[in-house]
N, C-alpha and C. Protein backbone atom coordinates (compact mmCIF):
# COMPACT_ATOMS: atom_id res chain seq x y z
N UNK A 1 99.69 166.54 98.72
CA UNK A 1 101.07 166.17 99.27
C UNK A 1 100.50 165.55 100.59
N UNK A 2 99.41 166.32 101.10
CA UNK A 2 99.01 165.79 102.68
C UNK A 2 98.13 164.37 102.48
N UNK A 3 97.64 164.25 101.25
CA UNK A 3 96.68 163.02 101.10
C UNK A 3 97.52 162.07 100.72
N UNK A 4 99.02 162.14 100.34
CA UNK A 4 99.66 160.97 100.35
C UNK A 4 100.40 160.42 101.31
N UNK A 5 100.35 161.25 102.42
CA UNK A 5 101.13 160.54 103.52
C UNK A 5 100.76 159.47 104.10
N UNK A 6 99.37 159.37 104.06
CA UNK A 6 98.60 157.93 104.56
C UNK A 6 97.80 157.51 103.44
N UNK A 7 98.20 156.22 103.16
CA UNK A 7 97.52 155.31 102.39
C UNK A 7 96.81 154.12 102.92
N UNK A 8 95.35 153.90 102.10
CA UNK A 8 94.90 152.73 102.86
C UNK A 8 95.57 151.47 102.23
N UNK A 9 95.34 150.33 103.00
CA UNK A 9 95.84 148.87 102.58
C UNK A 9 95.70 148.59 101.02
N UNK A 10 94.32 148.86 100.63
CA UNK A 10 93.71 148.61 99.18
C UNK A 10 94.73 149.63 98.15
N UNK A 11 94.84 150.70 98.59
CA UNK A 11 95.69 151.85 97.72
C UNK A 11 97.12 151.36 97.69
N UNK A 12 97.80 150.57 98.79
CA UNK A 12 99.31 150.15 98.60
C UNK A 12 98.95 149.09 97.93
N UNK A 13 97.93 148.25 98.07
CA UNK A 13 98.12 146.87 96.99
C UNK A 13 98.24 147.21 95.68
N UNK A 14 97.30 148.23 95.25
CA UNK A 14 97.05 148.76 94.01
C UNK A 14 98.51 149.37 93.46
N UNK A 15 99.14 149.77 94.35
CA UNK A 15 100.60 150.77 94.15
C UNK A 15 101.52 149.59 93.68
N UNK A 16 101.49 148.55 94.71
CA UNK A 16 102.46 147.45 94.45
C UNK A 16 102.10 146.85 92.82
N UNK A 17 100.71 146.63 92.46
CA UNK A 17 100.51 145.96 91.39
C UNK A 17 101.10 146.42 90.16
N UNK A 18 100.76 147.83 90.12
CA UNK A 18 101.41 148.72 89.19
C UNK A 18 102.92 148.82 89.30
N UNK A 19 103.51 148.89 90.42
CA UNK A 19 105.26 148.67 90.36
C UNK A 19 105.52 147.57 90.00
N UNK A 20 104.80 146.23 90.16
CA UNK A 20 105.49 145.38 89.54
C UNK A 20 105.29 145.04 88.31
N UNK A 21 104.11 145.88 87.57
CA UNK A 21 104.09 145.69 86.22
C UNK A 21 104.87 146.72 85.51
N UNK A 22 105.10 148.02 86.26
CA UNK A 22 106.38 148.79 85.56
C UNK A 22 107.86 147.95 85.91
N UNK A 23 108.13 147.15 86.85
CA UNK A 23 109.10 146.59 86.86
C UNK A 23 109.55 145.62 85.86
N UNK A 24 108.33 144.86 85.49
CA UNK A 24 108.33 143.87 84.32
C UNK A 24 108.78 144.64 82.98
N UNK A 25 108.19 145.57 82.87
CA UNK A 25 108.46 146.48 81.57
C UNK A 25 109.69 146.25 80.71
N UNK A 26 110.72 146.63 81.42
CA UNK A 26 111.94 146.69 80.84
C UNK A 26 112.30 144.90 80.36
N UNK A 27 112.05 144.21 80.86
CA UNK A 27 112.14 142.74 80.74
C UNK A 27 111.46 142.45 79.41
N UNK A 28 110.03 142.85 79.35
CA UNK A 28 109.20 142.59 78.35
C UNK A 28 109.75 143.44 76.92
N UNK A 29 110.37 144.33 77.19
CA UNK A 29 110.71 145.15 76.12
C UNK A 29 111.67 144.57 75.47
N UNK A 30 112.66 143.77 76.39
CA UNK A 30 113.76 143.27 75.96
C UNK A 30 113.62 141.85 75.15
N UNK A 31 112.60 141.25 75.67
CA UNK A 31 112.16 139.78 75.08
C UNK A 31 111.55 140.36 73.67
N UNK A 32 110.71 141.19 73.50
CA UNK A 32 110.14 141.93 72.32
C UNK A 32 111.30 142.12 71.26
N UNK A 33 112.53 142.90 71.76
CA UNK A 33 113.52 143.25 70.97
C UNK A 33 114.30 141.69 70.41
N UNK A 34 114.30 140.95 71.26
CA UNK A 34 115.12 139.79 70.85
C UNK A 34 114.24 138.84 69.69
N UNK A 35 112.97 139.08 69.75
CA UNK A 35 111.98 138.27 68.84
C UNK A 35 111.67 138.93 67.75
N UNK A 36 111.77 140.28 67.90
CA UNK A 36 111.76 140.89 66.69
C UNK A 36 113.13 141.67 66.11
N UNK A 37 114.09 140.85 66.41
CA UNK A 37 115.41 141.37 65.80
C UNK A 37 115.65 142.83 66.06
N UNK A 38 115.75 143.47 67.16
CA UNK A 38 116.04 144.78 67.56
C UNK A 38 116.93 145.14 68.32
N UNK A 39 117.87 144.12 68.31
CA UNK A 39 118.93 144.11 69.35
C UNK A 39 120.36 144.91 68.64
N UNK A 40 120.11 145.39 67.59
CA UNK A 40 121.38 145.97 66.76
C UNK A 40 122.19 144.97 66.42
N UNK A 41 123.53 145.66 66.10
CA UNK A 41 124.56 144.98 65.59
C UNK A 41 125.19 143.94 66.60
N UNK A 42 125.22 144.30 67.72
CA UNK A 42 125.86 143.62 68.94
C UNK A 42 124.85 143.39 69.77
N UNK A 43 124.07 142.07 69.57
CA UNK A 43 122.73 141.79 70.42
C UNK A 43 123.54 141.31 72.04
N UNK A 44 124.62 140.70 72.19
CA UNK A 44 125.01 140.83 73.32
C UNK A 44 125.65 142.08 74.23
N UNK A 45 126.01 142.72 73.38
CA UNK A 45 126.16 144.11 73.95
C UNK A 45 125.04 144.97 74.68
N UNK A 46 124.00 144.83 73.77
CA UNK A 46 122.67 145.44 73.88
C UNK A 46 122.13 144.64 75.18
N UNK A 47 121.87 143.64 75.30
CA UNK A 47 121.37 142.71 76.46
C UNK A 47 122.21 143.18 77.74
N UNK A 48 123.44 143.16 77.71
CA UNK A 48 124.20 143.35 78.92
C UNK A 48 124.32 144.81 79.17
N UNK A 49 124.27 145.90 78.39
CA UNK A 49 124.02 147.12 78.64
C UNK A 49 122.69 147.49 79.13
N UNK A 50 121.52 146.89 78.69
CA UNK A 50 120.08 147.14 79.05
C UNK A 50 120.08 146.42 80.57
N UNK A 51 120.43 145.16 80.91
CA UNK A 51 120.16 144.68 82.16
C UNK A 51 120.97 145.50 83.24
N UNK A 52 122.25 145.75 82.75
CA UNK A 52 123.11 146.41 83.69
C UNK A 52 122.60 148.01 84.19
N UNK A 53 122.09 148.62 83.01
CA UNK A 53 121.36 149.78 83.47
C UNK A 53 120.27 150.06 84.08
N UNK A 54 119.49 148.87 83.92
CA UNK A 54 118.10 148.75 84.91
C UNK A 54 118.45 148.21 86.15
N UNK A 55 119.58 147.55 86.34
CA UNK A 55 120.08 147.20 87.83
C UNK A 55 120.50 148.45 88.43
N UNK A 56 121.15 149.31 87.94
CA UNK A 56 121.81 150.55 88.62
C UNK A 56 120.57 151.54 88.86
N UNK A 57 119.62 151.50 87.89
CA UNK A 57 118.32 152.53 88.20
C UNK A 57 117.99 151.98 89.40
N UNK A 58 117.48 150.41 89.46
CA UNK A 58 116.43 150.26 90.44
C UNK A 58 117.29 150.20 92.03
N UNK A 59 118.87 149.87 91.76
CA UNK A 59 119.63 150.17 93.32
C UNK A 59 119.35 151.49 93.67
N UNK A 60 119.47 152.43 92.80
CA UNK A 60 119.46 153.75 93.31
C UNK A 60 118.28 154.13 93.71
N UNK A 61 117.37 153.74 93.10
CA UNK A 61 115.87 154.06 93.45
C UNK A 61 115.75 153.34 95.00
N UNK A 62 116.16 151.84 95.13
CA UNK A 62 116.08 151.74 96.54
C UNK A 62 116.58 152.31 97.48
N UNK A 63 118.00 153.03 97.06
CA UNK A 63 118.67 153.40 97.97
C UNK A 63 117.99 155.10 98.32
N UNK A 64 117.16 155.48 97.59
CA UNK A 64 116.52 156.59 97.48
C UNK A 64 115.39 156.63 98.27
N UNK A 65 114.91 155.48 98.70
CA UNK A 65 113.49 155.26 99.32
C UNK A 65 113.41 156.06 100.66
N UNK A 66 114.54 155.74 101.59
CA UNK A 66 114.46 156.44 102.85
C UNK A 66 114.48 157.96 102.70
N UNK A 67 115.54 158.39 102.09
CA UNK A 67 115.38 159.86 102.04
C UNK A 67 114.02 160.44 101.47
N UNK A 68 113.62 159.70 100.43
CA UNK A 68 112.21 160.34 100.02
C UNK A 68 111.15 160.36 101.04
N UNK A 69 111.18 159.12 102.06
CA UNK A 69 110.30 159.15 103.07
C UNK A 69 110.48 160.07 104.08
N UNK A 70 111.56 160.39 104.22
CA UNK A 70 111.97 161.66 105.35
C UNK A 70 111.60 162.68 105.21
N UNK A 71 111.78 163.20 103.52
CA UNK A 71 111.65 164.40 102.84
C UNK A 71 110.03 164.50 102.82
N UNK A 72 109.32 163.57 102.37
CA UNK A 72 107.98 163.95 102.12
C UNK A 72 107.18 163.38 103.21
N UNK A 73 107.25 162.50 103.99
CA UNK A 73 106.76 162.22 105.25
C UNK A 73 105.66 160.95 104.65
N UNK A 74 106.05 160.43 103.25
CA UNK A 74 105.22 159.11 102.66
C UNK A 74 105.60 157.79 103.28
N UNK A 75 105.27 157.50 104.53
CA UNK A 75 106.00 156.31 105.15
C UNK A 75 105.63 154.97 104.14
N UNK A 76 104.45 155.15 103.52
CA UNK A 76 103.98 153.86 102.69
C UNK A 76 105.16 153.33 101.69
N UNK A 77 106.22 154.67 101.21
CA UNK A 77 107.23 154.28 100.39
C UNK A 77 108.02 153.09 100.86
N UNK A 78 108.38 152.93 102.06
CA UNK A 78 109.02 151.66 102.60
C UNK A 78 108.54 150.33 102.22
N UNK A 79 107.16 150.27 102.12
CA UNK A 79 106.22 149.08 101.72
C UNK A 79 106.68 148.73 100.34
N UNK A 80 107.11 149.67 99.59
CA UNK A 80 107.44 149.27 98.01
C UNK A 80 109.02 148.91 97.95
N UNK A 81 109.94 149.35 98.71
CA UNK A 81 111.29 148.89 98.78
C UNK A 81 111.71 147.61 98.40
N UNK A 82 111.29 146.69 98.97
CA UNK A 82 111.56 145.36 98.98
C UNK A 82 111.27 144.85 97.61
N UNK A 83 110.05 145.29 96.94
CA UNK A 83 109.87 144.90 95.37
C UNK A 83 111.03 145.73 94.58
N UNK A 84 111.38 146.84 94.86
CA UNK A 84 112.29 147.42 94.06
C UNK A 84 113.44 146.56 94.16
N UNK A 85 114.05 146.25 95.27
CA UNK A 85 115.23 145.81 95.51
C UNK A 85 115.26 144.34 94.84
N UNK A 86 113.98 143.75 95.02
CA UNK A 86 114.13 142.27 94.31
C UNK A 86 114.03 142.46 92.88
N UNK A 87 113.57 143.37 92.11
CA UNK A 87 113.71 143.88 90.70
C UNK A 87 115.04 144.10 90.41
N UNK A 88 115.90 144.70 91.20
CA UNK A 88 117.29 145.20 90.91
C UNK A 88 117.94 143.69 90.96
N UNK A 89 117.67 142.75 91.96
CA UNK A 89 118.30 141.45 91.68
C UNK A 89 117.82 140.64 90.41
N UNK A 90 116.76 140.81 90.26
CA UNK A 90 116.38 140.22 89.07
C UNK A 90 117.27 140.57 87.49
N UNK A 91 117.15 141.73 87.66
CA UNK A 91 118.01 142.43 86.63
C UNK A 91 119.34 142.07 86.55
N UNK A 92 120.26 142.12 87.80
CA UNK A 92 121.71 141.93 87.95
C UNK A 92 121.80 140.75 87.51
N UNK A 93 120.82 139.46 87.90
CA UNK A 93 120.63 138.06 87.71
C UNK A 93 120.94 137.91 86.22
N UNK A 94 120.13 138.70 85.55
CA UNK A 94 119.87 138.21 83.97
C UNK A 94 121.44 139.05 83.39
N UNK A 95 121.92 139.97 84.10
CA UNK A 95 123.25 140.49 83.64
C UNK A 95 124.27 139.82 83.75
N UNK A 96 124.24 139.07 84.84
CA UNK A 96 125.29 137.96 85.16
C UNK A 96 125.12 136.71 84.29
N UNK A 97 124.01 136.24 84.05
CA UNK A 97 123.75 134.95 83.35
C UNK A 97 124.27 135.39 81.88
N UNK A 98 123.70 136.60 81.25
CA UNK A 98 124.29 137.11 79.91
C UNK A 98 125.73 137.02 79.95
N UNK A 99 126.68 137.70 80.86
CA UNK A 99 127.98 137.14 80.99
C UNK A 99 128.23 136.13 80.98
N UNK A 100 127.89 134.95 81.75
CA UNK A 100 128.42 133.71 82.13
C UNK A 100 127.83 132.83 80.60
N UNK A 101 126.71 132.96 80.35
CA UNK A 101 126.39 132.47 79.03
C UNK A 101 126.98 133.05 77.84
N UNK A 102 126.97 133.92 77.27
CA UNK A 102 127.45 134.48 76.12
C UNK A 102 128.99 134.82 75.91
N UNK A 103 129.43 135.34 77.30
CA UNK A 103 130.93 135.47 77.07
C UNK A 103 131.70 134.46 77.65
N UNK A 104 131.27 133.29 78.28
CA UNK A 104 131.94 132.01 78.74
C UNK A 104 131.37 130.87 78.53
N UNK A 105 130.12 130.74 77.69
CA UNK A 105 129.28 129.46 77.43
C UNK A 105 129.28 128.69 78.70
N UNK A 106 129.05 129.36 80.03
CA UNK A 106 128.92 128.53 81.08
C UNK A 106 129.97 127.95 81.86
N UNK A 107 131.17 128.21 81.23
CA UNK A 107 132.46 127.79 81.82
C UNK A 107 132.73 128.64 82.83
N UNK A 108 132.80 127.99 84.06
CA UNK A 108 132.93 128.69 85.39
C UNK A 108 134.38 129.01 85.50
N UNK A 109 135.11 127.88 85.25
CA UNK A 109 136.63 128.32 85.30
C UNK A 109 137.10 129.49 84.55
N UNK A 110 136.73 129.54 83.20
CA UNK A 110 137.11 130.63 82.46
C UNK A 110 136.32 132.10 82.98
N UNK A 111 135.14 131.76 83.52
CA UNK A 111 134.57 132.90 84.09
C UNK A 111 135.24 133.62 85.15
N UNK A 112 135.84 132.85 86.34
CA UNK A 112 136.37 133.05 87.21
C UNK A 112 137.71 133.76 87.04
N UNK A 113 138.27 133.28 85.93
CA UNK A 113 139.82 133.84 85.51
C UNK A 113 139.61 135.16 84.92
N UNK A 114 138.47 135.43 84.39
CA UNK A 114 138.13 136.75 83.95
C UNK A 114 137.60 137.63 85.05
N UNK A 115 137.06 137.06 85.88
CA UNK A 115 136.78 137.92 87.19
C UNK A 115 137.85 138.44 87.87
N UNK A 116 138.87 137.73 87.91
CA UNK A 116 139.96 137.72 88.86
C UNK A 116 140.87 138.72 87.67
N UNK A 117 140.99 138.51 86.61
CA UNK A 117 141.94 139.41 85.41
C UNK A 117 141.33 140.78 85.31
N UNK A 118 140.33 140.97 85.20
CA UNK A 118 139.67 142.56 84.91
C UNK A 118 139.03 143.14 86.09
N UNK A 119 139.50 144.23 86.58
CA UNK A 119 139.08 144.85 87.82
C UNK A 119 137.81 145.19 87.78
N UNK A 120 137.11 145.63 86.80
CA UNK A 120 135.74 146.15 86.58
C UNK A 120 134.73 145.07 86.77
N UNK A 121 135.28 144.03 86.25
CA UNK A 121 134.45 142.75 86.46
C UNK A 121 134.49 142.23 87.94
N UNK A 122 135.38 142.27 88.48
CA UNK A 122 135.69 142.08 89.86
C UNK A 122 134.80 142.69 90.88
N UNK A 123 134.81 144.06 90.48
CA UNK A 123 133.84 144.74 91.45
C UNK A 123 132.27 144.51 91.10
N UNK A 124 131.98 144.29 89.90
CA UNK A 124 130.63 143.95 89.53
C UNK A 124 130.09 142.70 90.00
N UNK A 125 131.02 141.55 90.10
CA UNK A 125 130.76 140.29 90.51
C UNK A 125 130.60 140.55 92.08
N UNK A 126 131.49 141.19 92.76
CA UNK A 126 131.36 141.40 93.99
C UNK A 126 130.11 141.81 94.55
N UNK A 127 129.72 142.68 93.85
CA UNK A 127 128.45 143.59 94.09
C UNK A 127 127.20 142.57 93.86
N UNK A 128 127.20 141.75 92.70
CA UNK A 128 126.32 140.64 92.80
C UNK A 128 126.30 139.68 93.89
N UNK A 129 127.64 139.13 94.29
CA UNK A 129 127.33 138.07 95.29
C UNK A 129 126.97 138.62 96.60
N UNK A 130 127.16 140.27 96.99
CA UNK A 130 126.80 140.69 98.00
C UNK A 130 125.02 140.90 98.02
N UNK A 131 124.79 140.89 96.84
CA UNK A 131 123.16 141.06 96.49
C UNK A 131 122.57 140.02 96.84
N UNK A 132 123.15 138.64 96.66
CA UNK A 132 122.22 137.50 96.88
C UNK A 132 121.82 137.04 98.21
N UNK A 133 122.63 137.51 99.46
CA UNK A 133 121.73 137.17 100.93
C UNK A 133 120.94 138.22 101.23
N UNK A 134 120.90 139.13 100.44
CA UNK A 134 119.93 140.39 100.66
C UNK A 134 118.57 140.08 100.09
N UNK A 135 118.61 139.31 98.81
CA UNK A 135 117.54 138.92 97.85
C UNK A 135 116.99 137.44 98.84
N UNK A 136 117.82 136.66 99.38
CA UNK A 136 117.39 135.53 100.10
C UNK A 136 116.95 136.01 101.32
N UNK A 137 117.15 136.92 101.93
CA UNK A 137 116.49 137.19 103.25
C UNK A 137 115.47 138.38 103.35
N UNK A 138 114.91 138.40 101.96
CA UNK A 138 113.93 139.45 101.64
C UNK A 138 112.44 139.25 102.40
N UNK A 139 112.11 137.79 102.72
CA UNK A 139 110.75 137.66 103.03
C UNK A 139 110.73 137.95 104.56
N UNK A 140 109.45 138.09 105.02
CA UNK A 140 108.89 138.43 106.39
C UNK A 140 109.69 137.31 107.41
N UNK A 141 109.43 135.91 106.43
CA UNK A 141 109.93 134.84 107.63
C UNK A 141 111.45 135.01 107.89
N UNK A 142 112.27 135.37 106.96
CA UNK A 142 113.63 135.48 107.36
C UNK A 142 113.94 136.49 108.22
N UNK A 143 113.25 137.63 108.06
CA UNK A 143 113.49 139.02 109.14
C UNK A 143 113.23 138.30 110.65
N UNK A 144 112.14 137.78 110.68
CA UNK A 144 111.79 136.95 112.00
C UNK A 144 112.97 136.05 112.40
N UNK A 145 113.33 135.11 111.48
CA UNK A 145 114.54 134.27 111.61
C UNK A 145 115.69 134.95 112.22
N UNK A 146 116.23 136.13 111.46
CA UNK A 146 117.56 136.33 111.69
C UNK A 146 117.46 137.80 112.93
N UNK A 147 116.00 137.95 113.28
CA UNK A 147 115.99 139.08 114.29
C UNK A 147 116.04 140.50 113.58
N UNK A 148 115.19 141.49 114.08
CA UNK A 148 115.42 142.79 113.31
C UNK A 148 116.64 143.42 113.18
N UNK A 149 117.61 143.22 114.34
CA UNK A 149 119.00 144.25 113.99
C UNK A 149 119.63 143.37 113.32
N UNK A 150 119.91 142.03 113.33
CA UNK A 150 120.80 141.20 112.53
C UNK A 150 120.42 141.40 111.02
N UNK A 151 119.16 141.64 111.01
CA UNK A 151 118.52 141.62 109.58
C UNK A 151 118.97 143.10 109.04
N UNK A 152 118.68 144.23 109.81
CA UNK A 152 119.11 145.49 109.45
C UNK A 152 120.33 145.53 109.23
N UNK A 153 121.38 145.10 109.93
CA UNK A 153 122.94 144.93 109.85
C UNK A 153 123.37 144.27 108.37
N UNK A 154 122.55 143.13 108.17
CA UNK A 154 122.80 142.51 106.98
C UNK A 154 122.70 143.49 105.58
N UNK A 155 121.25 144.06 105.76
CA UNK A 155 120.77 144.69 104.36
C UNK A 155 121.64 146.01 104.45
N UNK A 156 122.42 146.64 105.49
CA UNK A 156 123.17 147.90 105.33
C UNK A 156 124.41 147.43 104.32
N UNK A 157 124.51 146.15 103.47
CA UNK A 157 125.42 146.05 102.69
C UNK A 157 124.97 146.63 101.41
N UNK A 158 123.80 147.21 101.27
CA UNK A 158 123.33 147.88 100.03
C UNK A 158 124.26 149.08 99.95
N UNK A 159 124.69 149.75 101.14
CA UNK A 159 125.76 150.93 101.24
C UNK A 159 127.03 150.47 100.48
N UNK A 160 127.35 149.26 100.63
CA UNK A 160 128.74 148.82 99.98
C UNK A 160 128.22 148.43 98.39
N UNK A 161 127.10 147.90 98.27
CA UNK A 161 126.74 147.35 96.79
C UNK A 161 126.63 148.38 95.77
N UNK A 162 125.82 149.45 96.25
CA UNK A 162 125.44 150.28 95.14
C UNK A 162 126.64 151.02 94.67
N UNK A 163 127.71 151.70 95.60
CA UNK A 163 129.06 152.11 95.01
C UNK A 163 129.61 151.29 94.33
N UNK A 164 129.93 149.94 94.65
CA UNK A 164 130.57 149.11 93.61
C UNK A 164 129.89 149.04 92.36
N UNK A 165 128.47 148.62 92.17
CA UNK A 165 127.88 148.98 91.08
C UNK A 165 128.26 149.93 90.07
N UNK A 166 128.27 151.08 90.92
CA UNK A 166 128.68 152.51 90.06
C UNK A 166 130.02 152.48 89.79
N UNK A 167 130.88 151.74 90.31
CA UNK A 167 132.37 151.64 90.07
C UNK A 167 132.54 150.79 88.70
N UNK A 168 131.80 149.68 88.95
CA UNK A 168 131.80 148.72 87.79
C UNK A 168 131.41 149.49 86.64
N UNK A 169 130.39 150.31 86.45
CA UNK A 169 129.90 150.99 85.33
C UNK A 169 130.93 151.90 85.12
N UNK A 170 131.52 152.79 85.95
CA UNK A 170 132.48 153.82 85.63
C UNK A 170 133.60 153.24 84.53
N UNK A 171 134.21 152.21 85.34
CA UNK A 171 135.40 151.33 84.62
C UNK A 171 135.11 150.74 83.45
N UNK A 172 133.75 150.51 83.14
CA UNK A 172 133.38 149.98 81.97
C UNK A 172 133.11 151.19 81.08
N UNK A 173 132.61 152.28 81.25
CA UNK A 173 132.64 153.49 80.40
C UNK A 173 133.60 154.34 80.25
N UNK A 174 134.55 154.18 81.20
CA UNK A 174 136.03 154.60 80.99
C UNK A 174 136.84 154.36 79.92
N UNK A 175 136.64 152.85 79.64
CA UNK A 175 137.29 152.39 78.48
C UNK A 175 136.71 153.06 77.24
N UNK A 176 135.74 153.37 77.08
CA UNK A 176 135.15 153.82 75.96
C UNK A 176 135.01 155.54 75.94
N UNK A 177 135.82 156.23 76.68
CA UNK A 177 135.79 157.56 77.26
C UNK A 177 134.41 158.44 77.41
N UNK A 178 133.58 157.71 78.00
CA UNK A 178 132.24 158.13 78.03
C UNK A 178 131.88 158.00 79.53
N UNK A 179 132.05 159.27 80.22
CA UNK A 179 132.01 159.35 81.73
C UNK A 179 130.64 160.18 82.04
N UNK A 180 129.99 160.40 81.35
CA UNK A 180 128.84 161.41 81.54
C UNK A 180 127.77 160.74 82.61
N UNK A 181 127.29 159.19 82.07
CA UNK A 181 126.61 158.66 82.88
C UNK A 181 127.01 158.10 84.32
N UNK A 182 128.12 157.53 84.03
CA UNK A 182 128.98 157.26 85.46
C UNK A 182 128.91 158.28 86.49
N UNK A 183 129.08 159.64 85.95
CA UNK A 183 129.25 160.68 86.71
C UNK A 183 127.99 161.04 87.57
N UNK A 184 127.02 160.92 86.71
CA UNK A 184 125.55 160.98 87.28
C UNK A 184 125.22 160.31 88.26
N UNK A 185 125.74 159.07 88.25
CA UNK A 185 125.12 157.76 89.08
C UNK A 185 126.19 158.03 90.11
N UNK A 186 127.29 158.42 90.05
CA UNK A 186 128.29 158.77 91.09
C UNK A 186 127.82 159.75 92.24
N UNK A 187 127.40 160.85 91.63
CA UNK A 187 126.79 162.04 92.14
C UNK A 187 125.37 161.94 92.93
N UNK A 188 124.54 161.09 92.28
CA UNK A 188 123.49 160.76 92.82
C UNK A 188 123.64 159.77 94.22
N UNK A 189 124.50 158.80 93.92
CA UNK A 189 124.54 157.90 95.03
C UNK A 189 125.59 158.57 96.45
N UNK A 190 126.45 159.49 95.92
CA UNK A 190 127.14 160.51 96.84
C UNK A 190 125.92 161.28 97.89
N UNK A 191 125.09 161.85 97.15
CA UNK A 191 124.06 162.68 97.44
C UNK A 191 123.23 161.72 98.60
N UNK A 192 122.76 160.35 98.00
CA UNK A 192 121.93 159.66 98.78
C UNK A 192 122.76 159.20 100.09
N UNK A 193 123.82 158.80 100.03
CA UNK A 193 124.64 158.52 101.08
C UNK A 193 125.17 159.31 102.10
N UNK A 194 125.22 160.41 101.50
CA UNK A 194 125.82 161.76 102.59
C UNK A 194 124.64 162.14 103.28
N UNK A 195 123.33 162.18 102.82
CA UNK A 195 122.32 162.37 103.51
C UNK A 195 121.96 161.71 104.62
N UNK A 196 122.46 160.28 104.50
CA UNK A 196 122.14 159.71 105.55
C UNK A 196 123.41 159.85 106.63
N UNK A 197 124.54 160.05 106.48
CA UNK A 197 125.43 160.34 107.08
C UNK A 197 125.03 161.66 107.76
N UNK A 198 124.35 162.62 107.27
CA UNK A 198 124.09 163.85 108.27
C UNK A 198 122.86 163.64 109.09
N UNK A 199 122.15 162.84 108.65
CA UNK A 199 120.93 162.61 109.35
C UNK A 199 121.52 161.67 110.68
N UNK A 200 122.42 160.76 110.63
CA UNK A 200 123.00 160.08 111.53
C UNK A 200 123.84 160.85 112.51
N UNK A 201 124.41 161.83 111.98
CA UNK A 201 125.35 162.68 112.86
C UNK A 201 124.38 163.70 113.60
N UNK A 202 123.36 164.15 113.20
CA UNK A 202 122.40 164.83 113.78
C UNK A 202 121.66 164.14 115.07
N UNK A 203 121.61 162.92 114.73
CA UNK A 203 120.77 162.12 115.57
C UNK A 203 121.55 161.80 116.82
N UNK A 204 123.03 161.61 116.46
CA UNK A 204 123.96 161.33 117.83
C UNK A 204 124.37 162.66 118.40
N UNK A 205 124.18 163.80 117.70
CA UNK A 205 124.66 165.16 118.51
C UNK A 205 123.32 165.48 119.34
């Protein structure tokens, strides 16, 4: 444990390479499944579910980075958070494209009508839109341009985005009376956000 508290630049670089490979693995598996006809009876549902699930996994991992750093003392974890967040945006973009392409044939008017009509799509779409500025401002240049404090305030949108993503997942699963996974996500996010609240209150006190 002690040896993990401080990593060299070279070690962090290799960690990033490994993380990048792992981040691409679900996409590669999905592509292979497409070309080998392994998407099941409902390919669109398979792709939608797969990209949506990986978006939530990665968003929760992004949210967990700070608590893990504080609990373990592994400050280098923060250097991996940006890549995890960008992979979450990558998969949510695939999730959205699947919805726009296969459900609405790129008909934006029909898509927006669906967004307004169905609440679970409304919150999912809201989470996607809120993720866009976070992805666009993920570079060091944008941090300098915005200034540290404004950048931090903007990226606190993650505290809204992740619960919206969980709510989107919850409502979707509720229609099928399958709330086990949404409940796990909700409990995990509640714990991660609750830890931040406790630490913030202790800092104020």
